[in-house]
PDB file of all heavy atoms in Angstrom:
ATOM      1  N   SER A   1      35.615 -16.348 -34.896  1.00  0.00           N
ATOM      2  CA  SER A   1      36.459 -17.537 -35.042  1.00  0.00           C
ATOM      3  C   SER A   1      37.840 -17.272 -34.461  1.00  0.00           C
ATOM      4  O   SER A   1      38.155 -16.151 -34.041  1.00  0.00           O
ATOM      5  CB  SER A   1      36.560 -17.923 -36.521  1.00  0.00           C
ATOM      6  OG  SER A   1      35.321 -18.365 -37.006  1.00  0.00           O
ATOM      7  N   ARG A   2      38.676 -18.301 -34.461  1.00  0.00           N
ATOM      8  CA  ARG A   2      39.996 -18.222 -33.853  1.00  0.00           C
ATOM      9  C   ARG A   2      40.828 -17.064 -34.413  1.00  0.00           C
ATOM     10  O   ARG A   2      40.837 -16.811 -35.613  1.00  0.00           O
ATOM     11  CB  ARG A   2      40.761 -19.528 -34.081  1.00  0.00           C
ATOM     12  CG  ARG A   2      40.308 -20.678 -33.202  1.00  0.00           C
ATOM     13  CD  ARG A   2      41.170 -21.899 -33.430  1.00  0.00           C
ATOM     14  NE  ARG A   2      40.956 -22.445 -34.759  1.00  0.00           N
ATOM     15  CZ  ARG A   2      40.113 -23.418 -35.043  1.00  0.00           C
ATOM     16  NH1 ARG A   2      39.391 -23.965 -34.087  1.00  0.00           N
ATOM     17  NH2 ARG A   2      39.985 -23.862 -36.269  1.00  0.00           N
ATOM     18  N   GLY A   3      41.538 -16.414 -33.510  1.00  0.00           N
ATOM     19  CA  GLY A   3      42.532 -15.432 -33.923  1.00  0.00           C
ATOM     20  C   GLY A   3      41.990 -14.080 -34.343  1.00  0.00           C
ATOM     21  O   GLY A   3      42.749 -13.249 -34.863  1.00  0.00           O
ATOM     22  N   ALA A   4      40.716 -13.811 -34.123  1.00  0.00           N
ATOM     23  CA  ALA A   4      40.155 -12.509 -34.484  1.00  0.00           C
ATOM     24  C   ALA A   4      40.665 -11.437 -33.522  1.00  0.00           C
ATOM     25  O   ALA A   4      40.740 -11.649 -32.314  1.00  0.00           O
ATOM     26  CB  ALA A   4      38.636 -12.562 -34.470  1.00  0.00           C
ATOM     27  N   ILE A   5      40.997 -10.280 -34.074  1.00  0.00           N
ATOM     28  CA  ILE A   5      41.441  -9.139 -33.267  1.00  0.00           C
ATOM     29  C   ILE A   5      40.421  -8.018 -33.420  1.00  0.00           C
ATOM     30  O   ILE A   5      40.172  -7.543 -34.533  1.00  0.00           O
ATOM     31  CB  ILE A   5      42.840  -8.657 -33.701  1.00  0.00           C
ATOM     32  CG1 ILE A   5      43.872  -9.788 -33.519  1.00  0.00           C
ATOM     33  CG2 ILE A   5      43.252  -7.423 -32.905  1.00  0.00           C
ATOM     34  CD1 ILE A   5      45.249  -9.436 -34.044  1.00  0.00           C
ATOM     35  N   ILE A   6      39.819  -7.603 -32.314  1.00  0.00           N
ATOM     36  CA  ILE A   6      38.797  -6.561 -32.312  1.00  0.00           C
ATOM     37  C   ILE A   6      39.342  -5.391 -31.501  1.00  0.00           C
ATOM     38  O   ILE A   6      39.407  -5.446 -30.263  1.00  0.00           O
ATOM     39  CB  ILE A   6      37.472  -7.072 -31.700  1.00  0.00           C
ATOM     40  CG1 ILE A   6      37.086  -8.441 -32.279  1.00  0.00           C
ATOM     41  CG2 ILE A   6      36.371  -6.036 -31.882  1.00  0.00           C
ATOM     42  CD1 ILE A   6      36.884  -8.456 -33.772  1.00  0.00           C
ATOM     43  N   GLU A   7      39.747  -4.323 -32.179  1.00  0.00           N
ATOM     44  CA  GLU A   7      40.399  -3.219 -31.494  1.00  0.00           C
ATOM     45  C   GLU A   7      39.413  -2.324 -30.739  1.00  0.00           C
ATOM     46  O   GLU A   7      38.192  -2.487 -30.835  1.00  0.00           O
ATOM     47  CB  GLU A   7      41.212  -2.393 -32.505  1.00  0.00           C
ATOM     48  CG  GLU A   7      42.431  -3.110 -33.043  1.00  0.00           C
ATOM     49  CD  GLU A   7      43.350  -2.198 -33.854  1.00  0.00           C
ATOM     50  OE1 GLU A   7      43.037  -0.984 -33.972  1.00  0.00           O
ATOM     51  OE2 GLU A   7      44.377  -2.684 -34.357  1.00  0.00           O
ATOM     52  N   LYS A   8      39.957  -1.360 -30.026  1.00  0.00           N
ATOM     53  CA  LYS A   8      39.181  -0.430 -29.213  1.00  0.00           C
ATOM     54  C   LYS A   8      38.231   0.397 -30.078  1.00  0.00           C
ATOM     55  O   LYS A   8      38.561   0.755 -31.224  1.00  0.00           O
ATOM     56  CB  LYS A   8      40.131   0.503 -28.460  1.00  0.00           C
ATOM     57  CG  LYS A   8      39.467   1.370 -27.403  1.00  0.00           C
ATOM     58  CD  LYS A   8      40.513   2.169 -26.648  1.00  0.00           C
ATOM     59  CE  LYS A   8      39.860   3.030 -25.573  1.00  0.00           C
ATOM     60  NZ  LYS A   8      40.870   3.835 -24.823  1.00  0.00           N
ATOM     61  N   ASP A   9      37.058   0.667 -29.538  1.00  0.00           N
ATOM     62  CA  ASP A   9      36.015   1.485 -30.191  1.00  0.00           C
ATOM     63  C   ASP A   9      35.390   0.809 -31.408  1.00  0.00           C
ATOM     64  O   ASP A   9      34.637   1.444 -32.146  1.00  0.00           O
ATOM     65  CB  ASP A   9      36.555   2.868 -30.595  1.00  0.00           C
ATOM     66  CG  ASP A   9      36.983   3.680 -29.378  1.00  0.00           C
ATOM     67  OD1 ASP A   9      36.327   3.549 -28.325  1.00  0.00           O
ATOM     68  OD2 ASP A   9      37.981   4.435 -29.483  1.00  0.00           O
ATOM     69  N   VAL A  10      35.686  -0.441 -31.639  1.00  0.00           N
ATOM     70  CA  VAL A  10      34.998  -1.213 -32.679  1.00  0.00           C
ATOM     71  C   VAL A  10      33.619  -1.612 -32.155  1.00  0.00           C
ATOM     72  O   VAL A  10      33.470  -1.934 -30.970  1.00  0.00           O
ATOM     73  CB  VAL A  10      35.806  -2.466 -33.068  1.00  0.00           C
ATOM     74  CG1 VAL A  10      34.954  -3.441 -33.887  1.00  0.00           C
ATOM     75  CG2 VAL A  10      37.057  -2.078 -33.832  1.00  0.00           C
ATOM     76  N   VAL A  11      32.614  -1.588 -33.038  1.00  0.00           N
ATOM     77  CA  VAL A  11      31.280  -2.080 -32.689  1.00  0.00           C
ATOM     78  C   VAL A  11      30.872  -3.129 -33.717  1.00  0.00           C
ATOM     79  O   VAL A  11      30.770  -2.832 -34.914  1.00  0.00           O
ATOM     80  CB  VAL A  11      30.231  -0.950 -32.650  1.00  0.00           C
ATOM     81  CG1 VAL A  11      28.844  -1.528 -32.349  1.00  0.00           C
ATOM     82  CG2 VAL A  11      30.600   0.085 -31.593  1.00  0.00           C
ATOM     83  N   LEU A  12      30.670  -4.356 -33.259  1.00  0.00           N
ATOM     84  CA  LEU A  12      30.183  -5.436 -34.118  1.00  0.00           C
ATOM     85  C   LEU A  12      28.785  -5.815 -33.650  1.00  0.00           C
ATOM     86  O   LEU A  12      28.586  -6.151 -32.479  1.00  0.00           O
ATOM     87  CB  LEU A  12      31.093  -6.667 -34.025  1.00  0.00           C
ATOM     88  CG  LEU A  12      32.558  -6.522 -34.409  1.00  0.00           C
ATOM     89  CD1 LEU A  12      33.270  -7.864 -34.258  1.00  0.00           C
ATOM     90  CD2 LEU A  12      32.703  -6.022 -35.841  1.00  0.00           C
ATOM     91  N   GLU A  13      27.816  -5.800 -34.572  1.00  0.00           N
ATOM     92  CA  GLU A  13      26.451  -6.219 -34.267  1.00  0.00           C
ATOM     93  C   GLU A  13      25.976  -7.209 -35.320  1.00  0.00           C
ATOM     94  O   GLU A  13      26.032  -6.910 -36.516  1.00  0.00           O
ATOM     95  CB  GLU A  13      25.508  -5.009 -34.250  1.00  0.00           C
ATOM     96  CG  GLU A  13      25.808  -3.975 -33.180  1.00  0.00           C
ATOM     97  CD  GLU A  13      24.833  -2.821 -33.237  1.00  0.00           C
ATOM     98  OE1 GLU A  13      23.752  -2.942 -32.642  1.00  0.00           O
ATOM     99  OE2 GLU A  13      25.150  -1.810 -33.898  1.00  0.00           O
ATOM    100  N   GLU A  14      25.552  -8.400 -34.861  1.00  0.00           N
ATOM    101  CA  GLU A  14      25.079  -9.448 -35.767  1.00  0.00           C
ATOM    102  C   GLU A  14      26.102  -9.690 -36.896  1.00  0.00           C
ATOM    103  O   GLU A  14      25.792  -9.568 -38.083  1.00  0.00           O
ATOM    104  CB  GLU A  14      23.712  -9.107 -36.367  1.00  0.00           C
ATOM    105  CG  GLU A  14      22.558  -9.184 -35.399  1.00  0.00           C
ATOM    106  CD  GLU A  14      22.411  -7.931 -34.557  1.00  0.00           C
ATOM    107  OE1 GLU A  14      22.523  -6.830 -35.116  1.00  0.00           O
ATOM    108  OE2 GLU A  14      22.186  -8.047 -33.332  1.00  0.00           O
ATOM    109  N   CYS A  15      27.301 -10.035 -36.503  1.00  0.00           N
ATOM    110  CA  CYS A  15      28.367 -10.283 -37.485  1.00  0.00           C
ATOM    111  C   CYS A  15      28.945 -11.689 -37.308  1.00  0.00           C
ATOM    112  O   CYS A  15      28.892 -12.274 -36.228  1.00  0.00           O
ATOM    113  CB  CYS A  15      29.489  -9.246 -37.338  1.00  0.00           C
ATOM    114  SG  CYS A  15      29.027  -7.591 -37.877  1.00  0.00           S
ATOM    115  N   VAL A  16      29.509 -12.210 -38.407  1.00  0.00           N
ATOM    116  CA  VAL A  16      30.252 -13.471 -38.376  1.00  0.00           C
ATOM    117  C   VAL A  16      31.668 -13.147 -38.834  1.00  0.00           C
ATOM    118  O   VAL A  16      31.886 -12.787 -40.003  1.00  0.00           O
ATOM    119  CB  VAL A  16      29.621 -14.528 -39.295  1.00  0.00           C
ATOM    120  CG1 VAL A  16      30.441 -15.825 -39.255  1.00  0.00           C
ATOM    121  CG2 VAL A  16      28.179 -14.807 -38.893  1.00  0.00           C
ATOM    122  N   ILE A  17      32.620 -13.248 -37.916  1.00  0.00           N
ATOM    123  CA  ILE A  17      34.012 -12.911 -38.206  1.00  0.00           C
ATOM    124  C   ILE A  17      34.812 -14.210 -38.218  1.00  0.00           C
ATOM    125  O   ILE A  17      34.923 -14.889 -37.188  1.00  0.00           O
ATOM    126  CB  ILE A  17      34.586 -11.941 -37.151  1.00  0.00           C
ATOM    127  CG1 ILE A  17      33.649 -10.747 -36.924  1.00  0.00           C
ATOM    128  CG2 ILE A  17      35.982 -11.491 -37.554  1.00  0.00           C
ATOM    129  CD1 ILE A  17      33.430  -9.883 -38.144  1.00  0.00           C
ATOM    130  N   LEU A  18      35.368 -14.556 -39.371  1.00  0.00           N
ATOM    131  CA  LEU A  18      36.089 -15.820 -39.489  1.00  0.00           C
ATOM    132  C   LEU A  18      37.552 -15.660 -39.090  1.00  0.00           C
ATOM    133  O   LEU A  18      37.993 -14.591 -38.686  1.00  0.00           O
ATOM    134  CB  LEU A  18      35.924 -16.376 -40.898  1.00  0.00           C
ATOM    135  CG  LEU A  18      34.474 -16.699 -41.303  1.00  0.00           C
ATOM    136  CD1 LEU A  18      34.425 -17.414 -42.639  1.00  0.00           C
ATOM    137  CD2 LEU A  18      33.750 -17.519 -40.240  1.00  0.00           C
ATOM    138  N   GLN A  19      38.309 -16.721 -39.236  1.00  0.00           N
ATOM    139  CA  GLN A  19      39.634 -16.861 -38.636  1.00  0.00           C
ATOM    140  C   GLN A  19      40.614 -15.776 -39.064  1.00  0.00           C
ATOM    141  O   GLN A  19      40.691 -15.390 -40.226  1.00  0.00           O
ATOM    142  CB  GLN A  19      40.194 -18.238 -38.998  1.00  0.00           C
ATOM    143  CG  GLN A  19      41.487 -18.599 -38.291  1.00  0.00           C
ATOM    144  CD  GLN A  19      41.901 -20.016 -38.613  1.00  0.00           C
ATOM    145  OE1 GLN A  19      41.078 -20.861 -38.929  1.00  0.00           O
ATOM    146  NE2 GLN A  19      43.185 -20.288 -38.528  1.00  0.00           N
ATOM    147  N   ASP A  20      41.390 -15.293 -38.073  1.00  0.00           N
ATOM    148  CA  ASP A  20      42.523 -14.374 -38.296  1.00  0.00           C
ATOM    149  C   ASP A  20      42.127 -13.068 -38.972  1.00  0.00           C
ATOM    150  O   ASP A  20      42.906 -12.507 -39.756  1.00  0.00           O
ATOM    151  CB  ASP A  20      43.622 -15.075 -39.110  1.00  0.00           C
ATOM    152  CG  ASP A  20      44.267 -16.214 -38.357  1.00  0.00           C
ATOM    153  OD1 ASP A  20      44.334 -16.135 -37.115  1.00  0.00           O
ATOM    154  OD2 ASP A  20      44.683 -17.200 -38.991  1.00  0.00           O
ATOM    155  N   CYS A  21      40.951 -12.569 -38.676  1.00  0.00           N
ATOM    156  CA  CYS A  21      40.552 -11.246 -39.171  1.00  0.00           C
ATOM    157  C   CYS A  21      40.934 -10.180 -38.147  1.00  0.00           C
ATOM    158  O   CYS A  21      40.934 -10.424 -36.939  1.00  0.00           O
ATOM    159  CB  CYS A  21      39.051 -11.197 -39.435  1.00  0.00           C
ATOM    160  SG  CYS A  21      38.549 -12.125 -40.899  1.00  0.00           S
ATOM    161  N   HIS A  22      41.214  -8.999 -38.657  1.00  0.00           N
ATOM    162  CA  HIS A  22      41.644  -7.884 -37.809  1.00  0.00           C
ATOM    163  C   HIS A  22      40.697  -6.705 -38.062  1.00  0.00           C
ATOM    164  O   HIS A  22      40.699  -6.131 -39.153  1.00  0.00           O
ATOM    165  CB  HIS A  22      43.084  -7.503 -38.149  1.00  0.00           C
ATOM    166  CG  HIS A  22      43.705  -6.541 -37.184  1.00  0.00           C
ATOM    167  ND1 HIS A  22      45.060  -6.365 -37.075  1.00  0.00           N
ATOM    168  CD2 HIS A  22      43.154  -5.674 -36.272  1.00  0.00           C
ATOM    169  CE1 HIS A  22      45.328  -5.454 -36.156  1.00  0.00           C
ATOM    170  NE2 HIS A  22      44.166  -5.019 -35.655  1.00  0.00           N
ATOM    171  N   ILE A  23      39.899  -6.359 -37.057  1.00  0.00           N
ATOM    172  CA  ILE A  23      38.972  -5.239 -37.171  1.00  0.00           C
ATOM    173  C   ILE A  23      39.587  -4.068 -36.410  1.00  0.00           C
ATOM    174  O   ILE A  23      39.692  -4.098 -35.182  1.00  0.00           O
ATOM    175  CB  ILE A  23      37.580  -5.585 -36.578  1.00  0.00           C
ATOM    176  CG1 ILE A  23      37.139  -6.993 -37.028  1.00  0.00           C
ATOM    177  CG2 ILE A  23      36.564  -4.524 -36.983  1.00  0.00           C
ATOM    178  CD1 ILE A  23      36.989  -7.173 -38.507  1.00  0.00           C
ATOM    179  N   LYS A  24      39.969  -3.028 -37.152  1.00  0.00           N
ATOM    180  CA  LYS A  24      40.762  -1.949 -36.551  1.00  0.00           C
ATOM    181  C   LYS A  24      39.892  -0.892 -35.880  1.00  0.00           C
ATOM    182  O   LYS A  24      38.682  -0.835 -36.055  1.00  0.00           O
ATOM    183  CB  LYS A  24      41.672  -1.330 -37.611  1.00  0.00           C
ATOM    184  CG  LYS A  24      42.758  -2.289 -38.089  1.00  0.00           C
ATOM    185  CD  LYS A  24      43.879  -1.586 -38.804  1.00  0.00           C
ATOM    186  CE  LYS A  24      45.064  -2.510 -39.036  1.00  0.00           C
ATOM    187  NZ  LYS A  24      46.194  -1.800 -39.678  1.00  0.00           N
ATOM    188  N   LYS A  25      40.548  -0.056 -35.117  1.00  0.00           N
ATOM    189  CA  LYS A  25      39.935   0.928 -34.226  1.00  0.00           C
ATOM    190  C   LYS A  25      38.822   1.732 -34.887  1.00  0.00           C
ATOM    191  O   LYS A  25      38.984   2.255 -35.993  1.00  0.00           O
ATOM    192  CB  LYS A  25      41.017   1.873 -33.711  1.00  0.00           C
ATOM    193  CG  LYS A  25      40.533   2.891 -32.690  1.00  0.00           C
ATOM    194  CD  LYS A  25      41.687   3.741 -32.198  1.00  0.00           C
ATOM    195  CE  LYS A  25      41.197   4.794 -31.188  1.00  0.00           C
ATOM    196  NZ  LYS A  25      42.313   5.639 -30.699  1.00  0.00           N
ATOM    197  N   GLY A  26      37.679   1.795 -34.200  1.00  0.00           N
ATOM    198  CA  GLY A  26      36.586   2.661 -34.629  1.00  0.00           C
ATOM    199  C   GLY A  26      35.689   2.112 -35.717  1.00  0.00           C
ATOM    200  O   GLY A  26      34.723   2.777 -36.110  1.00  0.00           O
TER     201      GLY A  26
END
């Protein structure tokens, strides 16, 4: 969703990420 931040070395598989979430490195 809008405003999601996915940092370097993050791996997302079959995920639902809603607004303004921050997934940090690794």
